[in-house]
Amino acid sequence: MRVLIWSFEHNGWWAPGRSGYVENVADAGTYELSDAITICERAVIADCNEAIVMQPPYGARGEAWQRPPNVKDWPR
């Protein structure tokens, strides 16, 4: 499972390859959940500095979330 990482400390998304931070979610890197957990465990020293965010299943590159094509009703 791929996830995004938000940095409260830097007010941005983790960039691809752990190479800094980006403002736009479309530019954010995606990380394996196990790697993200390790990153967040190391970052949370005294405060909650980082958070794991599930990658949206549709619209993952920053576009508005929309109903996927050919889907009549959302699950309830």
PDB file of N, CA and C in Angstrom:
ATOM      1  N   MET A   1       0.840  -1.162   0.000  1.00  0.00           N
ATOM      2  CA  MET A   1       0.000   0.000   0.000  1.00  0.00           C
ATOM      3  C   MET A   1       0.896   1.240   0.000  1.00  0.00           C
ATOM      4  N   ARG A   2       0.597   2.170  -0.873  1.00  0.00           N
ATOM      5  CA  ARG A   2       1.353   3.411  -0.972  1.00  0.00           C
ATOM      6  C   ARG A   2       0.634   4.515  -0.206  1.00  0.00           C
ATOM      7  N   VAL A   3       1.397   5.344   0.483  1.00  0.00           N
ATOM      8  CA  VAL A   3       0.831   6.442   1.271  1.00  0.00           C
ATOM      9  C   VAL A   3       1.640   7.712   1.040  1.00  0.00           C
ATOM     10  N   LEU A   4       1.072   8.821   1.470  1.00  0.00           N
ATOM     11  CA  LEU A   4       1.742  10.117   1.454  1.00  0.00           C
ATOM     12  C   LEU A   4       2.132  10.445   2.891  1.00  0.00           C
ATOM     13  N   ILE A   5       3.089  11.353   3.045  1.00  0.00           N
ATOM     14  CA  ILE A   5       3.488  11.785   4.388  1.00  0.00           C
ATOM     15  C   ILE A   5       3.402  13.307   4.450  1.00  0.00           C
ATOM     16  N   TRP A   6       2.647  13.801   5.432  1.00  0.00           N
ATOM     17  CA  TRP A   6       2.517  15.240   5.663  1.00  0.00           C
ATOM     18  C   TRP A   6       3.425  15.640   6.818  1.00  0.00           C
ATOM     19  N   SER A   7       4.171  16.719   6.635  1.00  0.00           N
ATOM     20  CA  SER A   7       5.026  17.239   7.696  1.00  0.00           C
ATOM     21  C   SER A   7       4.385  18.479   8.300  1.00  0.00           C
ATOM     22  N   PHE A   8       3.977  18.358   9.569  1.00  0.00           N
ATOM     23  CA  PHE A   8       3.460  19.519  10.288  1.00  0.00           C
ATOM     24  C   PHE A   8       4.592  20.517  10.542  1.00  0.00           C
ATOM     25  N   GLU A   9       5.758  20.001  10.805  1.00  0.00           N
ATOM     26  CA  GLU A   9       6.910  20.851  11.092  1.00  0.00           C
ATOM     27  C   GLU A   9       7.276  21.739   9.902  1.00  0.00           C
ATOM     28  N   HIS A  10       7.219  21.182   8.696  1.00  0.00           N
ATOM     29  CA  HIS A  10       7.615  21.915   7.490  1.00  0.00           C
ATOM     30  C   HIS A  10       6.421  22.388   6.673  1.00  0.00           C
ATOM     31  N   ASN A  11       5.212  22.070   7.142  1.00  0.00           N
ATOM     32  CA  ASN A  11       3.984  22.484   6.467  1.00  0.00           C
ATOM     33  C   ASN A  11       3.997  22.102   4.988  1.00  0.00           C
ATOM     34  N   GLY A  12       4.331  20.840   4.714  1.00  0.00           N
ATOM     35  CA  GLY A  12       4.381  20.369   3.338  1.00  0.00           C
ATOM     36  C   GLY A  12       4.394  18.856   3.270  1.00  0.00           C
ATOM     37  N   TRP A  13       4.243  18.353   2.056  1.00  0.00           N
ATOM     38  CA  TRP A  13       4.296  16.912   1.792  1.00  0.00           C
ATOM     39  C   TRP A  13       5.736  16.475   1.617  1.00  0.00           C
ATOM     40  N   TRP A  14       6.031  15.263   2.033  1.00  0.00           N
ATOM     41  CA  TRP A  14       7.351  14.715   1.758  1.00  0.00           C
ATOM     42  C   TRP A  14       7.491  14.547   0.243  1.00  0.00           C
ATOM     43  N   ALA A  15       8.624  14.978  -0.275  1.00  0.00           N
ATOM     44  CA  ALA A  15       8.896  14.861  -1.703  1.00  0.00           C
ATOM     45  C   ALA A  15       9.308  13.424  -2.042  1.00  0.00           C
ATOM     46  N   PRO A  16       9.309  13.075  -3.328  1.00  0.00           N
ATOM     47  CA  PRO A  16       9.768  11.735  -3.705  1.00  0.00           C
ATOM     48  C   PRO A  16      11.200  11.489  -3.240  1.00  0.00           C
ATOM     49  N   GLY A  17      11.479  10.264  -2.850  1.00  0.00           N
ATOM     50  CA  GLY A  17      12.835   9.873  -2.473  1.00  0.00           C
ATOM     51  C   GLY A  17      13.372  10.561  -1.238  1.00  0.00           C
ATOM     52  N   ARG A  18      12.492  10.991  -0.345  1.00  0.00           N
ATOM     53  CA  ARG A  18      12.918  11.658   0.899  1.00  0.00           C
ATOM     54  C   ARG A  18      13.783  12.884   0.621  1.00  0.00           C
ATOM     55  N   SER A  19      13.464  13.593  -0.453  1.00  0.00           N
ATOM     56  CA  SER A  19      14.322  14.700  -0.902  1.00  0.00           C
ATOM     57  C   SER A  19      13.734  16.066  -0.598  1.00  0.00           C
ATOM     58  N   GLY A  20      13.238  16.247   0.602  1.00  0.00           N
ATOM     59  CA  GLY A  20      12.711  17.548   0.979  1.00  0.00           C
ATOM     60  C   GLY A  20      11.199  17.536   1.060  1.00  0.00           C
ATOM     61  N   TYR A  21      10.600  18.731   0.855  1.00  0.00           N
ATOM     62  CA  TYR A  21       9.173  18.907   1.036  1.00  0.00           C
ATOM     63  C   TYR A  21       8.606  19.701  -0.122  1.00  0.00           C
ATOM     64  N   VAL A  22       7.350  19.432  -0.452  1.00  0.00           N
ATOM     65  CA  VAL A  22       6.664  20.146  -1.526  1.00  0.00           C
ATOM     66  C   VAL A  22       5.322  20.644  -1.003  1.00  0.00           C
ATOM     67  N   GLU A  23       4.829  21.721  -1.588  1.00  0.00           N
ATOM     68  CA  GLU A  23       3.548  22.291  -1.165  1.00  0.00           C
ATOM     69  C   GLU A  23       2.360  21.580  -1.810  1.00  0.00           C
ATOM     70  N   ASN A  24       2.503  21.201  -3.070  1.00  0.00           N
ATOM     71  CA  ASN A  24       1.402  20.641  -3.839  1.00  0.00           C
ATOM     72  C   ASN A  24       1.369  19.122  -3.702  1.00  0.00           C
ATOM     73  N   VAL A  25       0.214  18.571  -3.372  1.00  0.00           N
ATOM     74  CA  VAL A  25       0.088  17.123  -3.217  1.00  0.00           C
ATOM     75  C   VAL A  25       0.419  16.388  -4.516  1.00  0.00           C
ATOM     76  N   ALA A  26       0.220  17.038  -5.653  1.00  0.00           N
ATOM     77  CA  ALA A  26       0.533  16.405  -6.935  1.00  0.00           C
ATOM     78  C   ALA A  26       2.028  16.149  -7.089  1.00  0.00           C
ATOM     79  N   ASP A  27       2.848  16.893  -6.355  1.00  0.00           N
ATOM     80  CA  ASP A  27       4.305  16.729  -6.427  1.00  0.00           C
ATOM     81  C   ASP A  27       4.850  15.837  -5.320  1.00  0.00           C
ATOM     82  N   ALA A  28       3.975  15.398  -4.419  1.00  0.00           N
ATOM     83  CA  ALA A  28       4.407  14.602  -3.265  1.00  0.00           C
ATOM     84  C   ALA A  28       4.884  13.224  -3.685  1.00  0.00           C
ATOM     85  N   GLY A  29       5.785  12.680  -2.886  1.00  0.00           N
ATOM     86  CA  GLY A  29       6.225  11.311  -3.105  1.00  0.00           C
ATOM     87  C   GLY A  29       5.260  10.345  -2.458  1.00  0.00           C
ATOM     88  N   THR A  30       5.260   9.121  -2.947  1.00  0.00           N
ATOM     89  CA  THR A  30       4.476   8.078  -2.294  1.00  0.00           C
ATOM     90  C   THR A  30       5.453   7.076  -1.700  1.00  0.00           C
ATOM     91  N   TYR A  31       5.075   6.531  -0.559  1.00  0.00           N
ATOM     92  CA  TYR A  31       5.953   5.638   0.187  1.00  0.00           C
ATOM     93  C   TYR A  31       5.202   4.380   0.567  1.00  0.00           C
ATOM     94  N   GLU A  32       5.929   3.277   0.656  1.00  0.00           N
ATOM     95  CA  GLU A  32       5.326   2.059   1.181  1.00  0.00           C
ATOM     96  C   GLU A  32       4.924   2.326   2.629  1.00  0.00           C
ATOM     97  N   LEU A  33       3.806   1.772   3.055  1.00  0.00           N
ATOM     98  CA  LEU A  33       3.312   2.013   4.403  1.00  0.00           C
ATOM     99  C   LEU A  33       4.358   1.689   5.462  1.00  0.00           C
ATOM    100  N   SER A  34       5.072   0.586   5.313  1.00  0.00           N
ATOM    101  CA  SER A  34       6.085   0.214   6.310  1.00  0.00           C
ATOM    102  C   SER A  34       7.201   1.261   6.393  1.00  0.00           C
ATOM    103  N   ASP A  35       7.607   1.827   5.240  1.00  0.00           N
ATOM    104  CA  ASP A  35       8.619   2.888   5.246  1.00  0.00           C
ATOM    105  C   ASP A  35       8.080   4.154   5.910  1.00  0.00           C
ATOM    106  N   ALA A  36       6.823   4.480   5.625  1.00  0.00           N
ATOM    107  CA  ALA A  36       6.216   5.673   6.202  1.00  0.00           C
ATOM    108  C   ALA A  36       6.123   5.558   7.728  1.00  0.00           C
ATOM    109  N   ILE A  37       5.797   4.380   8.207  1.00  0.00           N
ATOM    110  CA  ILE A  37       5.727   4.176   9.659  1.00  0.00           C
ATOM    111  C   ILE A  37       7.094   4.412  10.287  1.00  0.00           C
ATOM    112  N   THR A  38       8.141   3.865   9.671  1.00  0.00           N
ATOM    113  CA  THR A  38       9.503   4.057  10.175  1.00  0.00           C
ATOM    114  C   THR A  38       9.880   5.540  10.167  1.00  0.00           C
ATOM    115  N   ILE A  39       9.579   6.239   9.075  1.00  0.00           N
ATOM    116  CA  ILE A  39       9.876   7.668   8.962  1.00  0.00           C
ATOM    117  C   ILE A  39       9.172   8.436  10.072  1.00  0.00           C
ATOM    118  N   CYS A  40       7.899   8.161  10.266  1.00  0.00           N
ATOM    119  CA  CYS A  40       7.119   8.895  11.263  1.00  0.00           C
ATOM    120  C   CYS A  40       7.559   8.568  12.685  1.00  0.00           C
ATOM    121  N   GLU A  41       7.924   7.333  12.943  1.00  0.00           N
ATOM    122  CA  GLU A  41       8.413   6.975  14.276  1.00  0.00           C
ATOM    123  C   GLU A  41       9.680   7.747  14.609  1.00  0.00           C
ATOM    124  N   ARG A  42      10.551   7.924  13.632  1.00  0.00           N
ATOM    125  CA  ARG A  42      11.803   8.661  13.865  1.00  0.00           C
ATOM    126  C   ARG A  42      11.562  10.158  13.981  1.00  0.00           C
ATOM    127  N   ALA A  43      10.532  10.671  13.302  1.00  0.00           N
ATOM    128  CA  ALA A  43      10.278  12.111  13.278  1.00  0.00           C
ATOM    129  C   ALA A  43       9.544  12.592  14.516  1.00  0.00           C
ATOM    130  N   VAL A  44       8.788  11.718  15.146  1.00  0.00           N
ATOM    131  CA  VAL A  44       7.987  12.130  16.300  1.00  0.00           C
ATOM    132  C   VAL A  44       8.834  11.968  17.553  1.00  0.00           C
ATOM    133  N   ILE A  45       9.559  13.022  17.867  1.00  0.00           N
ATOM    134  CA  ILE A  45      10.440  13.002  19.027  1.00  0.00           C
ATOM    135  C   ILE A  45       9.682  13.549  20.244  1.00  0.00           C
ATOM    136  N   ALA A  46       9.315  14.819  20.192  1.00  0.00           N
ATOM    137  CA  ALA A  46       8.591  15.433  21.304  1.00  0.00           C
ATOM    138  C   ALA A  46       7.169  15.822  20.909  1.00  0.00           C
ATOM    139  N   ASP A  47       6.976  16.144  19.653  1.00  0.00           N
ATOM    140  CA  ASP A  47       5.672  16.563  19.129  1.00  0.00           C
ATOM    141  C   ASP A  47       5.312  15.671  17.948  1.00  0.00           C
ATOM    142  N   CYS A  48       4.079  15.771  17.535  1.00  0.00           N
ATOM    143  CA  CYS A  48       3.648  15.062  16.322  1.00  0.00           C
ATOM    144  C   CYS A  48       4.080  15.902  15.124  1.00  0.00           C
ATOM    145  N   ASN A  49       5.187  15.518  14.498  1.00  0.00           N
ATOM    146  CA  ASN A  49       5.736  16.286  13.387  1.00  0.00           C
ATOM    147  C   ASN A  49       5.283  15.796  12.023  1.00  0.00           C
ATOM    148  N   GLU A  50       4.996  14.503  11.888  1.00  0.00           N
ATOM    149  CA  GLU A  50       4.635  13.935  10.594  1.00  0.00           C
ATOM    150  C   GLU A  50       3.352  13.120  10.742  1.00  0.00           C
ATOM    151  N   ALA A  51       2.635  12.954   9.630  1.00  0.00           N
ATOM    152  CA  ALA A  51       1.419  12.145   9.642  1.00  0.00           C
ATOM    153  C   ALA A  51       1.327  11.345   8.350  1.00  0.00           C
ATOM    154  N   ILE A  52       0.860  10.119   8.462  1.00  0.00           N
ATOM    155  CA  ILE A  52       0.653   9.263   7.295  1.00  0.00           C
ATOM    156  C   ILE A  52      -0.736   9.546   6.751  1.00  0.00           C
ATOM    157  N   VAL A  53      -0.815   9.759   5.439  1.00  0.00           N
ATOM    158  CA  VAL A  53      -2.081  10.049   4.781  1.00  0.00           C
ATOM    159  C   VAL A  53      -2.286   9.021   3.683  1.00  0.00           C
ATOM    160  N   MET A  54      -3.440   8.364   3.712  1.00  0.00           N
ATOM    161  CA  MET A  54      -3.725   7.379   2.675  1.00  0.00           C
ATOM    162  C   MET A  54      -3.799   8.076   1.331  1.00  0.00           C
ATOM    163  N   GLN A  55      -3.220   7.475   0.325  1.00  0.00           N
ATOM    164  CA  GLN A  55      -3.272   8.031  -1.015  1.00  0.00           C
ATOM    165  C   GLN A  55      -4.686   7.862  -1.552  1.00  0.00           C
ATOM    166  N   PRO A  56      -5.317   8.940  -2.017  1.00  0.00           N
ATOM    167  CA  PRO A  56      -6.682   8.808  -2.522  1.00  0.00           C
ATOM    168  C   PRO A  56      -6.756   7.783  -3.652  1.00  0.00           C
ATOM    169  N   PRO A  57      -7.807   6.976  -3.687  1.00  0.00           N
ATOM    170  CA  PRO A  57      -7.913   5.955  -4.723  1.00  0.00           C
ATOM    171  C   PRO A  57      -8.204   6.529  -6.096  1.00  0.00           C
ATOM    172  N   TYR A  58      -8.698   7.744  -6.148  1.00  0.00           N
ATOM    173  CA  TYR A  58      -9.015   8.382  -7.429  1.00  0.00           C
ATOM    174  C   TYR A  58      -8.691   9.848  -7.291  1.00  0.00           C
ATOM    175  N   GLY A  59      -8.054  10.417  -8.260  1.00  0.00           N
ATOM    176  CA  GLY A  59      -7.641  11.803  -8.158  1.00  0.00           C
ATOM    177  C   GLY A  59      -6.363  11.948  -7.353  1.00  0.00           C
ATOM    178  N   ALA A  60      -5.497  10.938  -7.404  1.00  0.00           N
ATOM    179  CA  ALA A  60      -4.304  10.910  -6.572  1.00  0.00           C
ATOM    180  C   ALA A  60      -3.262  11.945  -6.973  1.00  0.00           C
ATOM    181  N   ARG A  61      -3.360  12.528  -8.127  1.00  0.00           N
ATOM    182  CA  ARG A  61      -2.353  13.492  -8.548  1.00  0.00           C
ATOM    183  C   ARG A  61      -2.790  14.925  -8.294  1.00  0.00           C
ATOM    184  N   GLY A  62      -3.771  15.117  -7.428  1.00  0.00           N
ATOM    185  CA  GLY A  62      -4.132  16.456  -7.027  1.00  0.00           C
ATOM    186  C   GLY A  62      -5.392  16.998  -7.674  1.00  0.00           C
ATOM    187  N   GLU A  63      -5.926  16.330  -8.691  1.00  0.00           N
ATOM    188  CA  GLU A  63      -7.153  16.829  -9.278  1.00  0.00           C
ATOM    189  C   GLU A  63      -8.322  16.577  -8.326  1.00  0.00           C
ATOM    190  N   ALA A  64      -9.396  17.295  -8.526  1.00  0.00           N
ATOM    191  CA  ALA A  64     -10.550  17.150  -7.638  1.00  0.00           C
ATOM    192  C   ALA A  64     -11.054  15.713  -7.653  1.00  0.00           C
ATOM    193  N   TRP A  65     -11.470  15.248  -6.485  1.00  0.00           N
ATOM    194  CA  TRP A  65     -12.028  13.898  -6.416  1.00  0.00           C
ATOM    195  C   TRP A  65     -13.314  13.873  -7.200  1.00  0.00           C
ATOM    196  N   GLN A  66     -13.469  12.835  -7.989  1.00  0.00           N
ATOM    197  CA  GLN A  66     -14.648  12.681  -8.819  1.00  0.00           C
ATOM    198  C   GLN A  66     -15.139  11.252  -8.714  1.00  0.00           C
ATOM    199  N   ARG A  67     -16.361  11.061  -9.133  1.00  0.00           N
ATOM    200  CA  ARG A  67     -16.883   9.705  -9.238  1.00  0.00           C
ATOM    201  C   ARG A  67     -16.111   9.006 -10.352  1.00  0.00           C
ATOM    202  N   PRO A  68     -15.567   7.815 -10.100  1.00  0.00           N
ATOM    203  CA  PRO A  68     -14.865   7.090 -11.164  1.00  0.00           C
ATOM    204  C   PRO A  68     -15.793   6.815 -12.343  1.00  0.00           C
ATOM    205  N   PRO A  69     -15.255   6.755 -13.555  1.00  0.00           N
ATOM    206  CA  PRO A  69     -16.091   6.500 -14.729  1.00  0.00           C
ATOM    207  C   PRO A  69     -16.875   5.194 -14.574  1.00  0.00           C
ATOM    208  N   ASN A  70     -18.076   5.190 -15.090  1.00  0.00           N
ATOM    209  CA  ASN A  70     -18.942   4.006 -15.126  1.00  0.00           C
ATOM    210  C   ASN A  70     -19.379   3.504 -13.763  1.00  0.00           C
ATOM    211  N   VAL A  71     -19.323   4.345 -12.747  1.00  0.00           N
ATOM    212  CA  VAL A  71     -19.805   3.964 -11.414  1.00  0.00           C
ATOM    213  C   VAL A  71     -21.078   4.755 -11.151  1.00  0.00           C
ATOM    214  N   LYS A  72     -22.190   4.049 -10.948  1.00  0.00           N
ATOM    215  CA  LYS A  72     -23.471   4.730 -10.787  1.00  0.00           C
ATOM    216  C   LYS A  72     -23.681   5.255  -9.378  1.00  0.00           C
ATOM    217  N   ASP A  73     -23.351   4.479  -8.381  1.00  0.00           N
ATOM    218  CA  ASP A  73     -23.574   4.888  -6.993  1.00  0.00           C
ATOM    219  C   ASP A  73     -22.338   4.607  -6.168  1.00  0.00           C
ATOM    220  N   TRP A  74     -22.041   5.502  -5.251  1.00  0.00           N
ATOM    221  CA  TRP A  74     -20.969   5.270  -4.296  1.00  0.00           C
ATOM    222  C   TRP A  74     -21.427   4.231  -3.298  1.00  0.00           C
ATOM    223  N   PRO A  75     -20.516   3.429  -2.774  1.00  0.00           N
ATOM    224  CA  PRO A  75     -20.917   2.512  -1.688  1.00  0.00           C
ATOM    225  C   PRO A  75     -21.392   3.331  -0.493  1.00  0.00           C
ATOM    226  N   ARG A  76     -22.342   2.825   0.229  1.00  0.00           N
ATOM    227  CA  ARG A  76     -22.873   3.546   1.399  1.00  0.00           C
ATOM    228  C   ARG A  76     -22.446   2.873   2.666  1.00  0.00           C
TER     229      ARG A  76
END
